Every structure is written in C-alpha cells, then in structure tokens.
C-alpha atoms as a PDB file:
ATOM      1  CA  MET A   1      34.173  -7.497 -58.752  1.00  0.00           C
ATOM      2  CA  ASN A   2      37.327  -9.083 -57.328  1.00  0.00           C
ATOM      3  CA  THR A   3      40.612  -8.491 -59.092  1.00  0.00           C
ATOM      4  CA  THR A   4      42.274 -11.612 -60.494  1.00  0.00           C
ATOM      5  CA  ASP A   5      44.116 -13.300 -57.627  1.00  0.00           C
ATOM      6  CA  ILE A   6      44.943 -16.796 -58.874  1.00  0.00           C
ATOM      7  CA  SER A   7      46.692 -18.029 -62.022  1.00  0.00           C
ATOM      8  CA  ILE A   8      45.839 -21.463 -63.413  1.00  0.00           C
ATOM      9  CA  ILE A   9      48.518 -23.177 -65.494  1.00  0.00           C
ATOM     10  CA  ILE A  10      47.210 -25.860 -67.859  1.00  0.00           C
ATOM     11  CA  SER A  11      49.767 -27.986 -69.698  1.00  0.00           C
ATOM     12  CA  THR A  12      48.938 -29.325 -73.146  1.00  0.00           C
ATOM     13  CA  TYR A  13      50.451 -31.013 -76.195  1.00  0.00           C
ATOM     14  CA  ASN A  14      48.530 -31.731 -79.420  1.00  0.00           C
ATOM     15  CA  ALA A  15      45.243 -32.664 -77.717  1.00  0.00           C
ATOM     16  CA  PRO A  16      42.808 -29.883 -78.734  1.00  0.00           C
ATOM     17  CA  GLU A  17      39.686 -32.027 -78.319  1.00  0.00           C
ATOM     18  CA  TRP A  18      40.534 -32.688 -74.667  1.00  0.00           C
ATOM     19  CA  LEU A  19      41.769 -29.118 -74.072  1.00  0.00           C
ATOM     20  CA  GLU A  20      38.475 -27.660 -75.277  1.00  0.00           C
ATOM     21  CA  LYS A  21      36.554 -29.754 -72.738  1.00  0.00           C
ATOM     22  CA  VAL A  22      38.886 -28.576 -69.987  1.00  0.00           C
ATOM     23  CA  LEU A  23      38.506 -24.903 -70.965  1.00  0.00           C
ATOM     24  CA  TRP A  24      34.705 -25.233 -70.799  1.00  0.00           C
ATOM     25  CA  GLY A  25      35.135 -26.687 -67.318  1.00  0.00           C
ATOM     26  CA  TYR A  26      36.939 -23.523 -66.232  1.00  0.00           C
ATOM     27  CA  ASN A  27      34.191 -21.393 -67.772  1.00  0.00           C
ATOM     28  CA  ASN A  28      31.789 -23.143 -65.384  1.00  0.00           C
ATOM     29  CA  GLN A  29      33.641 -22.207 -62.167  1.00  0.00           C
ATOM     30  CA  ILE A  30      31.784 -20.560 -59.296  1.00  0.00           C
ATOM     31  CA  TYR A  31      35.006 -18.690 -58.396  1.00  0.00           C
ATOM     32  CA  ARG A  32      35.789 -16.612 -61.449  1.00  0.00           C
ATOM     33  CA  SER A  33      38.595 -14.203 -60.507  1.00  0.00           C
ATOM     34  CA  PHE A  34      41.369 -16.102 -62.275  1.00  0.00           C
ATOM     35  CA  GLU A  35      43.573 -16.009 -65.345  1.00  0.00           C
ATOM     36  CA  LEU A  36      44.425 -19.170 -67.275  1.00  0.00           C
ATOM     37  CA  VAL A  37      47.918 -19.733 -68.667  1.00  0.00           C
ATOM     38  CA  ILE A  38      48.300 -22.541 -71.213  1.00  0.00           C
ATOM     39  CA  ALA A  39      51.748 -24.157 -71.083  1.00  0.00           C
ATOM     40  CA  ASP A  40      51.947 -25.569 -74.616  1.00  0.00           C
ATOM     41  CA  ASP A  41      54.843 -27.969 -75.208  1.00  0.00           C
ATOM     42  CA  GLY A  42      54.964 -27.382 -78.978  1.00  0.00           C
ATOM     43  CA  SER A  43      51.453 -28.168 -80.256  1.00  0.00           C
ATOM     44  CA  LYS A  44      50.545 -27.703 -83.919  1.00  0.00           C
ATOM     45  CA  GLN A  45      48.290 -25.037 -85.473  1.00  0.00           C
ATOM     46  CA  GLU A  46      45.039 -26.820 -84.511  1.00  0.00           C
ATOM     47  CA  THR A  47      45.676 -26.122 -80.826  1.00  0.00           C
ATOM     48  CA  LYS A  48      46.550 -22.481 -81.505  1.00  0.00           C
ATOM     49  CA  ASP A  49      43.334 -22.076 -83.529  1.00  0.00           C
ATOM     50  CA  LEU A  50      41.296 -23.606 -80.685  1.00  0.00           C
ATOM     51  CA  ILE A  51      42.840 -21.244 -78.130  1.00  0.00           C
ATOM     52  CA  THR A  52      42.199 -18.210 -80.350  1.00  0.00           C
ATOM     53  CA  ARG A  53      38.531 -19.223 -80.660  1.00  0.00           C
ATOM     54  CA  MET A  54      38.122 -20.014 -76.961  1.00  0.00           C
ATOM     55  CA  GLN A  55      39.622 -16.633 -75.993  1.00  0.00           C
ATOM     56  CA  GLN A  56      36.500 -15.115 -77.588  1.00  0.00           C
ATOM     57  CA  GLU A  57      34.042 -17.614 -76.056  1.00  0.00           C
ATOM     58  CA  VAL A  58      35.053 -17.914 -72.389  1.00  0.00           C
ATOM     59  CA  SER A  59      34.691 -15.375 -69.583  1.00  0.00           C
ATOM     60  CA  TYR A  60      38.292 -15.489 -68.309  1.00  0.00           C
ATOM     61  CA  PRO A  61      41.587 -14.317 -69.849  1.00  0.00           C
ATOM     62  CA  ILE A  62      43.732 -16.981 -71.569  1.00  0.00           C
ATOM     63  CA  ILE A  63      47.492 -16.510 -71.975  1.00  0.00           C
ATOM     64  CA  HIS A  64      49.090 -18.923 -74.478  1.00  0.00           C
ATOM     65  CA  VAL A  65      52.743 -19.782 -73.752  1.00  0.00           C
ATOM     66  CA  TRP A  66      54.274 -21.929 -76.520  1.00  0.00           C
ATOM     67  CA  HIS A  67      57.676 -23.152 -77.617  1.00  0.00           C
ATOM     68  CA  GLU A  68      58.919 -25.276 -80.527  1.00  0.00           C
ATOM     69  CA  ASP A  69      58.340 -29.026 -80.277  1.00  0.00           C
ATOM     70  CA  ASP A  70      61.548 -30.626 -79.002  1.00  0.00           C
ATOM     71  CA  GLY A  71      60.222 -33.854 -77.543  1.00  0.00           C
ATOM     72  CA  PHE A  72      58.781 -34.020 -74.017  1.00  0.00           C
ATOM     73  CA  GLN A  73      59.885 -30.699 -72.488  1.00  0.00           C
ATOM     74  CA  LYS A  74      57.033 -30.125 -70.038  1.00  0.00           C
ATOM     75  CA  SER A  75      59.369 -28.840 -67.307  1.00  0.00           C
ATOM     76  CA  LYS A  76      60.701 -26.107 -69.610  1.00  0.00           C
ATOM     77  CA  ILE A  77      57.294 -24.890 -70.774  1.00  0.00           C
ATOM     78  CA  LEU A  78      55.935 -24.943 -67.220  1.00  0.00           C
ATOM     79  CA  ASN A  79      58.794 -22.700 -66.112  1.00  0.00           C
ATOM     80  CA  LYS A  80      57.942 -20.269 -68.918  1.00  0.00           C
ATOM     81  CA  ALA A  81      54.278 -20.382 -67.857  1.00  0.00           C
ATOM     82  CA  ILE A  82      55.190 -19.677 -64.216  1.00  0.00           C
ATOM     83  CA  LEU A  83      56.946 -16.481 -65.315  1.00  0.00           C
ATOM     84  CA  ALA A  84      53.874 -15.509 -67.368  1.00  0.00           C
ATOM     85  CA  CYS A  85      51.567 -15.694 -64.319  1.00  0.00           C
ATOM     86  CA  THR A  86      50.626 -12.240 -63.038  1.00  0.00           C
ATOM     87  CA  THR A  87      49.154 -13.219 -59.636  1.00  0.00           C
ATOM     88  CA  PRO A  88      50.755 -14.316 -56.338  1.00  0.00           C
ATOM     89  CA  TYR A  89      49.108 -17.772 -56.286  1.00  0.00           C
ATOM     90  CA  ILE A  90      49.402 -20.553 -58.894  1.00  0.00           C
ATOM     91  CA  LEU A  91      47.201 -23.612 -59.462  1.00  0.00           C
ATOM     92  CA  MET A  92      48.564 -26.249 -61.846  1.00  0.00           C
ATOM     93  CA  SER A  93      46.559 -28.848 -63.734  1.00  0.00           C
ATOM     94  CA  ASP A  94      46.615 -30.558 -67.131  1.00  0.00           C
ATOM     95  CA  GLY A  95      44.845 -30.178 -70.445  1.00  0.00           C
ATOM     96  CA  ASP A  96      43.163 -33.543 -69.919  1.00  0.00           C
ATOM     97  CA  CYS A  97      41.627 -32.762 -66.489  1.00  0.00           C
ATOM     98  CA  ILE A  98      38.113 -31.246 -66.457  1.00  0.00           C
ATOM     99  CA  PRO A  99      37.524 -29.301 -63.214  1.00  0.00           C
ATOM    100  CA  ARG A 100      34.305 -29.564 -61.213  1.00  0.00           C
ATOM    101  CA  LYS A 101      32.592 -26.175 -60.799  1.00  0.00           C
ATOM    102  CA  ASP A 102      33.993 -25.687 -57.264  1.00  0.00           C
ATOM    103  CA  PHE A 103      37.549 -26.735 -58.217  1.00  0.00           C
ATOM    104  CA  VAL A 104      39.130 -23.281 -58.121  1.00  0.00           C
ATOM    105  CA  ALA A 105      37.008 -22.287 -55.112  1.00  0.00           C
ATOM    106  CA  GLN A 106      38.374 -25.242 -53.115  1.00  0.00           C
ATOM    107  CA  HIS A 107      41.963 -24.199 -53.836  1.00  0.00           C
ATOM    108  CA  ILE A 108      41.104 -20.639 -52.770  1.00  0.00           C
ATOM    109  CA  LYS A 109      39.364 -21.900 -49.621  1.00  0.00           C
ATOM    110  CA  TYR A 110      42.287 -24.003 -48.389  1.00  0.00           C
ATOM    111  CA  ARG A 111      45.266 -21.922 -49.517  1.00  0.00           C
ATOM    112  CA  GLU A 112      47.476 -20.675 -46.691  1.00  0.00           C
ATOM    113  CA  LYS A 113      50.893 -19.072 -46.416  1.00  0.00           C
ATOM    114  CA  GLY A 114      53.598 -21.664 -45.734  1.00  0.00           C
ATOM    115  CA  TYR A 115      51.657 -24.481 -47.451  1.00  0.00           C
ATOM    116  CA  PHE A 116      50.961 -25.944 -50.867  1.00  0.00           C
ATOM    117  CA  LEU A 117      47.801 -27.894 -51.683  1.00  0.00           C
ATOM    118  CA  SER A 118      47.863 -31.458 -52.987  1.00  0.00           C
ATOM    119  CA  GLY A 119      44.869 -32.657 -54.998  1.00  0.00           C
ATOM    120  CA  GLY A 120      44.162 -35.769 -57.036  1.00  0.00           C
ATOM    121  CA  TYR A 121      42.080 -36.771 -60.030  1.00  0.00           C
ATOM    122  CA  PHE A 122      39.395 -39.249 -60.986  1.00  0.00           C
ATOM    123  CA  MET A 123      40.446 -41.304 -64.006  1.00  0.00           C
ATOM    124  CA  LEU A 124      37.883 -42.006 -66.702  1.00  0.00           C
ATOM    125  CA  PRO A 125      38.133 -44.745 -69.348  1.00  0.00           C
ATOM    126  CA  MET A 126      38.518 -43.759 -73.014  1.00  0.00           C
ATOM    127  CA  ASP A 127      34.920 -44.489 -74.049  1.00  0.00           C
ATOM    128  CA  ILE A 128      33.457 -42.156 -71.403  1.00  0.00           C
ATOM    129  CA  SER A 129      36.178 -39.541 -72.071  1.00  0.00           C
ATOM    130  CA  GLN A 130      35.100 -39.402 -75.717  1.00  0.00           C
ATOM    131  CA  LYS A 131      31.396 -39.356 -74.848  1.00  0.00           C
ATOM    132  CA  ILE A 132      31.517 -36.223 -72.677  1.00  0.00           C
ATOM    133  CA  THR A 133      30.030 -33.189 -74.450  1.00  0.00           C
ATOM    134  CA  LYS A 134      30.194 -29.469 -73.688  1.00  0.00           C
ATOM    135  CA  ASP A 135      26.675 -29.725 -72.243  1.00  0.00           C
ATOM    136  CA  ASP A 136      27.704 -32.664 -70.029  1.00  0.00           C
ATOM    137  CA  ILE A 137      30.417 -30.392 -68.609  1.00  0.00           C
ATOM    138  CA  LEU A 138      28.248 -27.299 -68.146  1.00  0.00           C
ATOM    139  CA  GLN A 139      25.465 -29.388 -66.534  1.00  0.00           C
ATOM    140  CA  GLU A 140      28.049 -31.255 -64.389  1.00  0.00           C
ATOM    141  CA  ARG A 141      26.883 -34.666 -65.617  1.00  0.00           C
ATOM    142  CA  CYS A 142      30.495 -35.814 -66.054  1.00  0.00           C
ATOM    143  CA  PHE A 143      30.909 -35.571 -62.250  1.00  0.00           C
ATOM    144  CA  ASP A 144      27.598 -37.323 -61.493  1.00  0.00           C
ATOM    145  CA  LEU A 145      28.276 -40.876 -60.352  1.00  0.00           C
ATOM    146  CA  LYS A 146      24.871 -42.106 -61.538  1.00  0.00           C
ATOM    147  CA  TRP A 147      25.504 -40.730 -65.032  1.00  0.00           C
ATOM    148  CA  LEU A 148      29.007 -42.211 -65.130  1.00  0.00           C
ATOM    149  CA  LEU A 149      27.832 -45.635 -63.929  1.00  0.00           C
ATOM    150  CA  ALA A 150      25.026 -45.565 -66.519  1.00  0.00           C
ATOM    151  CA  ASN A 151      27.707 -44.914 -69.146  1.00  0.00           C
ATOM    152  CA  GLY A 152      29.840 -47.892 -68.131  1.00  0.00           C
ATOM    153  CA  LEU A 153      31.964 -46.751 -65.181  1.00  0.00           C
ATOM    154  CA  LYS A 154      32.900 -49.644 -62.891  1.00  0.00           C
ATOM    155  CA  LYS A 155      32.141 -49.465 -59.151  1.00  0.00           C
ATOM    156  CA  SER A 156      35.163 -48.704 -56.959  1.00  0.00           C
ATOM    157  CA  PHE A 157      36.114 -47.140 -53.619  1.00  0.00           C
ATOM    158  CA  LYS A 158      37.672 -44.331 -55.668  1.00  0.00           C
ATOM    159  CA  ASN A 159      34.148 -43.323 -56.692  1.00  0.00           C
ATOM    160  CA  ASN A 160      33.936 -41.695 -53.231  1.00  0.00           C
ATOM    161  CA  LYS A 161      35.879 -38.800 -54.746  1.00  0.00           C
ATOM    162  CA  LEU A 162      32.817 -37.857 -56.764  1.00  0.00           C
ATOM    163  CA  ASN A 163      30.043 -38.150 -54.193  1.00  0.00           C
ATOM    164  CA  SER A 164      31.591 -36.900 -50.949  1.00  0.00           C
ATOM    165  CA  GLY A 165      29.996 -33.920 -49.256  1.00  0.00           C
ATOM    166  CA  VAL A 166      32.072 -31.396 -47.300  1.00  0.00           C
ATOM    167  CA  THR A 167      32.255 -33.459 -44.088  1.00  0.00           C
ATOM    168  CA  LYS A 168      32.964 -36.784 -45.794  1.00  0.00           C
ATOM    169  CA  ALA A 169      35.570 -35.190 -48.079  1.00  0.00           C
ATOM    170  CA  ALA A 170      37.368 -33.624 -45.092  1.00  0.00           C
ATOM    171  CA  PHE A 171      37.363 -37.014 -43.318  1.00  0.00           C
ATOM    172  CA  LEU A 172      38.701 -38.851 -46.376  1.00  0.00           C
ATOM    173  CA  ASN A 173      41.393 -36.176 -46.865  1.00  0.00           C
ATOM    174  CA  PHE A 174      42.438 -36.799 -43.259  1.00  0.00           C
ATOM    175  CA  ILE A 175      42.530 -40.616 -43.338  1.00  0.00           C
ATOM    176  CA  THR A 176      43.868 -41.241 -46.861  1.00  0.00           C
ATOM    177  CA  PRO A 177      47.179 -43.124 -46.867  1.00  0.00           C
ATOM    178  CA  THR A 178      48.199 -41.178 -49.986  1.00  0.00           C
ATOM    179  CA  GLY A 179      50.891 -38.631 -49.161  1.00  0.00           C
ATOM    180  CA  ALA A 180      50.331 -34.931 -49.824  1.00  0.00           C
ATOM    181  CA  THR A 181      52.712 -34.390 -52.753  1.00  0.00           C
ATOM    182  CA  TRP A 182      52.932 -31.801 -55.535  1.00  0.00           C
ATOM    183  CA  ASN A 183      50.842 -33.417 -58.283  1.00  0.00           C
ATOM    184  CA  GLY A 184      51.086 -31.657 -61.628  1.00  0.00           C
ATOM    185  CA  HIS A 185      47.461 -32.416 -62.490  1.00  0.00           C
ATOM    186  CA  ASN A 186      46.072 -30.816 -59.304  1.00  0.00           C
ATOM    187  CA  ALA A 187      48.273 -28.767 -56.977  1.00  0.00           C
ATOM    188  CA  SER A 188      48.621 -25.142 -56.002  1.00  0.00           C
ATOM    189  CA  GLY A 189      51.064 -22.936 -54.162  1.00  0.00           C
ATOM    190  CA  TRP A 190      52.466 -19.441 -53.752  1.00  0.00           C
ATOM    191  CA  LYS A 191      54.433 -18.107 -56.707  1.00  0.00           C
ATOM    192  CA  GLU A 192      57.133 -16.771 -54.368  1.00  0.00           C
ATOM    193  CA  ASP A 193      57.690 -20.299 -52.986  1.00  0.00           C
ATOM    194  CA  ILE A 194      57.860 -21.822 -56.480  1.00  0.00           C
ATOM    195  CA  LEU A 195      60.376 -19.154 -57.527  1.00  0.00           C
ATOM    196  CA  ALA A 196      62.369 -19.714 -54.309  1.00  0.00           C
ATOM    197  CA  VAL A 197      63.078 -23.322 -55.415  1.00  0.00           C
ATOM    198  CA  ASN A 198      63.690 -22.113 -59.014  1.00  0.00           C
ATOM    199  CA  GLY A 199      60.694 -23.885 -60.554  1.00  0.00           C
ATOM    200  CA  PHE A 200      60.952 -27.235 -62.320  1.00  0.00           C
ATOM    201  CA  ASP A 201      64.223 -29.058 -62.983  1.00  0.00           C
ATOM    202  CA  GLU A 202      64.523 -28.904 -66.782  1.00  0.00           C
ATOM    203  CA  ARG A 203      66.699 -32.022 -66.934  1.00  0.00           C
ATOM    204  CA  MET A 204      63.589 -34.001 -66.024  1.00  0.00           C
ATOM    205  CA  GLN A 205      61.233 -35.337 -68.654  1.00  0.00           C
ATOM    206  CA  TYR A 206      58.276 -37.675 -68.020  1.00  0.00           C
ATOM    207  CA  GLY A 207      57.946 -39.222 -64.581  1.00  0.00           C
ATOM    208  CA  GLY A 208      57.915 -37.369 -61.278  1.00  0.00           C
ATOM    209  CA  GLN A 209      59.162 -33.901 -62.163  1.00  0.00           C
ATOM    210  CA  ASP A 210      56.141 -32.498 -60.307  1.00  0.00           C
ATOM    211  CA  ARG A 211      56.921 -34.557 -57.185  1.00  0.00           C
ATOM    212  CA  GLU A 212      60.535 -33.352 -57.255  1.00  0.00           C
ATOM    213  CA  LEU A 213      59.362 -29.733 -57.232  1.00  0.00           C
ATOM    214  CA  GLY A 214      57.272 -30.545 -54.150  1.00  0.00           C
ATOM    215  CA  GLU A 215      60.246 -32.218 -52.484  1.00  0.00           C
ATOM    216  CA  ARG A 216      62.278 -29.034 -52.857  1.00  0.00           C
ATOM    217  CA  LEU A 217      59.357 -27.030 -51.445  1.00  0.00           C
ATOM    218  CA  PHE A 218      59.474 -29.337 -48.399  1.00  0.00           C
ATOM    219  CA  ASN A 219      63.227 -28.692 -48.162  1.00  0.00           C
ATOM    220  CA  ILE A 220      62.665 -24.920 -47.786  1.00  0.00           C
ATOM    221  CA  GLY A 221      60.094 -25.513 -45.055  1.00  0.00           C
ATOM    222  CA  VAL A 222      56.820 -25.374 -47.010  1.00  0.00           C
ATOM    223  CA  LYS A 223      54.254 -27.909 -45.736  1.00  0.00           C
ATOM    224  CA  ALA A 224      51.480 -29.617 -47.703  1.00  0.00           C
ATOM    225  CA  LYS A 225      47.718 -29.982 -47.201  1.00  0.00           C
ATOM    226  CA  GLN A 226      45.771 -32.899 -48.649  1.00  0.00           C
ATOM    227  CA  ILE A 227      42.631 -31.905 -50.632  1.00  0.00           C
ATOM    228  CA  ARG A 228      42.268 -34.864 -53.008  1.00  0.00           C
ATOM    229  CA  TYR A 229      38.627 -35.452 -51.986  1.00  0.00           C
ATOM    230  CA  SER A 230      37.697 -31.740 -52.053  1.00  0.00           C
ATOM    231  CA  ALA A 231      39.197 -30.327 -55.270  1.00  0.00           C
ATOM    232  CA  ILE A 232      37.801 -32.626 -57.950  1.00  0.00           C
ATOM    233  CA  CYS A 233      38.775 -33.003 -61.582  1.00  0.00           C
ATOM    234  CA  VAL A 234      38.085 -35.897 -63.947  1.00  0.00           C
ATOM    235  CA  HIS A 235      40.999 -37.158 -66.034  1.00  0.00           C
ATOM    236  CA  LEU A 236      40.339 -37.949 -69.695  1.00  0.00           C
ATOM    237  CA  ASP A 237      42.126 -41.022 -71.015  1.00  0.00           C
ATOM    238  CA  HIS A 238      44.950 -40.838 -73.568  1.00  0.00           C
ATOM    239  CA  PRO A 239      47.982 -42.829 -74.751  1.00  0.00           C
ATOM    240  CA  ARG A 240      51.384 -41.996 -73.214  1.00  0.00           C
ATOM    241  CA  GLY A 241      53.899 -42.416 -76.028  1.00  0.00           C
ATOM    242  CA  TYR A 242      56.402 -40.207 -74.180  1.00  0.00           C
ATOM    243  CA  LYS A 243      56.616 -42.559 -71.167  1.00  0.00           C
ATOM    244  CA  THR A 244      59.991 -44.328 -71.168  1.00  0.00           C
ATOM    245  CA  GLN A 245      61.799 -46.346 -68.515  1.00  0.00           C
ATOM    246  CA  GLU A 246      64.941 -44.334 -69.251  1.00  0.00           C
ATOM    247  CA  SER A 247      63.328 -41.005 -68.295  1.00  0.00           C
ATOM    248  CA  ILE A 248      61.685 -42.530 -65.213  1.00  0.00           C
ATOM    249  CA  ASP A 249      65.013 -43.974 -63.989  1.00  0.00           C
ATOM    250  CA  LYS A 250      66.815 -40.678 -64.655  1.00  0.00           C
ATOM    251  CA  ASN A 251      64.173 -38.743 -62.721  1.00  0.00           C
ATOM    252  CA  LEU A 252      64.250 -41.172 -59.792  1.00  0.00           C
ATOM    253  CA  ALA A 253      68.010 -40.594 -59.544  1.00  0.00           C
ATOM    254  CA  ILE A 254      67.536 -36.807 -59.489  1.00  0.00           C
ATOM    255  CA  ARG A 255      64.822 -37.121 -56.836  1.00  0.00           C
ATOM    256  CA  ALA A 256      67.076 -39.326 -54.703  1.00  0.00           C
ATOM    257  CA  VAL A 257      69.724 -36.570 -54.694  1.00  0.00           C
ATOM    258  CA  THR A 258      67.096 -33.919 -53.891  1.00  0.00           C
ATOM    259  CA  LYS A 259      65.981 -35.909 -50.837  1.00  0.00           C
ATOM    260  CA  LYS A 260      69.406 -37.034 -49.630  1.00  0.00           C
ATOM    261  CA  GLN A 261      71.158 -33.671 -50.051  1.00  0.00           C
ATOM    262  CA  LYS A 262      68.033 -31.668 -49.110  1.00  0.00           C
ATOM    263  CA  VAL A 263      68.330 -29.641 -52.330  1.00  0.00           C
ATOM    264  CA  LYS A 264      66.365 -26.394 -52.039  1.00  0.00           C
ATOM    265  CA  SER A 265      66.873 -24.768 -55.439  1.00  0.00           C
ATOM    266  CA  THR A 266      67.659 -26.501 -58.723  1.00  0.00           C
ATOM    267  CA  PRO A 267      70.439 -24.965 -60.862  1.00  0.00           C
ATOM    268  CA  PHE A 268      68.538 -26.368 -63.889  1.00  0.00           C
ATOM    269  CA  GLY A 269      65.357 -24.370 -63.354  1.00  0.00           C
ATOM    270  CA  ILE A 270      63.935 -20.961 -64.273  1.00  0.00           C
ATOM    271  CA  GLU A 271      67.222 -19.169 -63.679  1.00  0.00           C
ATOM    272  CA  LYS A 272      70.255 -20.990 -65.092  1.00  0.00           C
ATOM    273  CA  LEU A 273      73.782 -20.829 -63.702  1.00  0.00           C
ATOM    274  CA  GLY A 274      75.905 -18.423 -65.701  1.00  0.00           C
ATOM    275  CA  GLU A 275      72.981 -16.434 -67.118  1.00  0.00           C
END
C-alpha cells in the first residue's frame, strides 16, 4: 500500500448536507493514498458532529481545522489548513464540490515540479443539487450527462466537461480560452511553493483570493497547467450572502499591486511580520 502522498483541503462553512455529499465523493476515489483536511471557517456543532461521524465511515483520514466564526475568513482558515497538511503536495477544493472518482488520480497524473494545476467545476442548479443522494454519488450518476439531462439539466457546450474521454479532454484543455489560474475549488500545487509565497493574503475576503495566490506563484516562477476538462467535480448550488462589492473591489486592488509590483510573498499570510 502506498503511503499518503497528497493532502486535500476542503473549505466549508455551515453546509453539512453539502459537505457530506462531498466526503462520500472522496470515499469513491480510485486513488486512495490521501489525507483530507477540512478548513472550517467557524461552522456550528452540526458540522462538527457530521465530521466525527464521517471519520468512522470513510476509508481516509480526516483532519478538522476550525476557528471561531468571525465573518468570511476563508483565507485565514486555509492558511491554518495548509500548515496541518502532512504531505508535500496539496489539492484544494470546496465543501460544495463533489469529485468524480478519478479526480484525485488526475491531479496525481499531471502534477510536476515547477507547476501548479488549474481545474474547473461543473455548476449544477439547486434542484439537482438537492436531489443527489449518496447512492447517486457512489454509482457516479451525478456525473452522467444522461441522468443529469433527465433530471432537468439544460444543454450547453459546458456539458463537454462531463462526457469527454482522455483524448477529447486533453484537446479541450489545450484549446480553452480560459486561463490556467489558481482556482480554490479545483487546484493543486507543491506545499513548498505555497509556503514560499506565504499562503493566502489574510486581508482578502470573498472574491479572488485564490487567484491572487496563483499570481504570486507565477511571480516566483511557477507555471500552470490547465486540467479543467480532466479533473472533474460538480458544484452544488448555494446562496452567497458573503459576496459584497466592497470585498471584491478591495481584493481587485490588492491583486493589481501583486501584478504591478510582482509581489512574491505576502506579509499578511501564514507568517506575519513581527511574529
């Protein structure tokens, strides 16, 4: 049996119903040598109870990293989760993104020193998100385009994400106009690179804090590979009460400085100035 060689960070906040579906998705992976670190931005007891139960029911180790609820502080809890990872390679996704059974395997397949991997997600409407059962996850029905269309999914070019074989996926990864960026719902990289840029900028709340991390990785010479059509996860719908124009504008200003001044390491990250 392989030793654990990849850490998966899953961010969550008071969404135990969605988190449970995601955790079953990771129990279905064909590549199983991983640990899962839950970055919990202050959820209530219900989430803790779920995690305690799932630790007994799934085949992989779950580490629960939690801090007190202080509004949207995802950057802070992600930094704490990064430090809790015990392996040299980190995959980040969200507690509303169910991974296809080859999700982790695809990140393992394409990982390479000097690069991070940029994946995407397939967004589901609320009615289908609620309809998905544990059995639908374990039998992979929630990734089956026929099943999704039968349950009300609209036809779209984006549906190619779900029915592309290896060759088609590689071609679509190559031709997509979407840039290879660090996407918090589906990206992976070497822990030493993430630590070299000092993790996430904790001044940043909702809106682009993941992209800004990737921009600093670019500034230290790390390149990116596009795997949005290979590493598949479906995104469950939810309201975004924490989304404000103020936080988006603030984050855009920070990102502009990162790009213009080619900032490599944030002083507002894992290690703080003066500590």
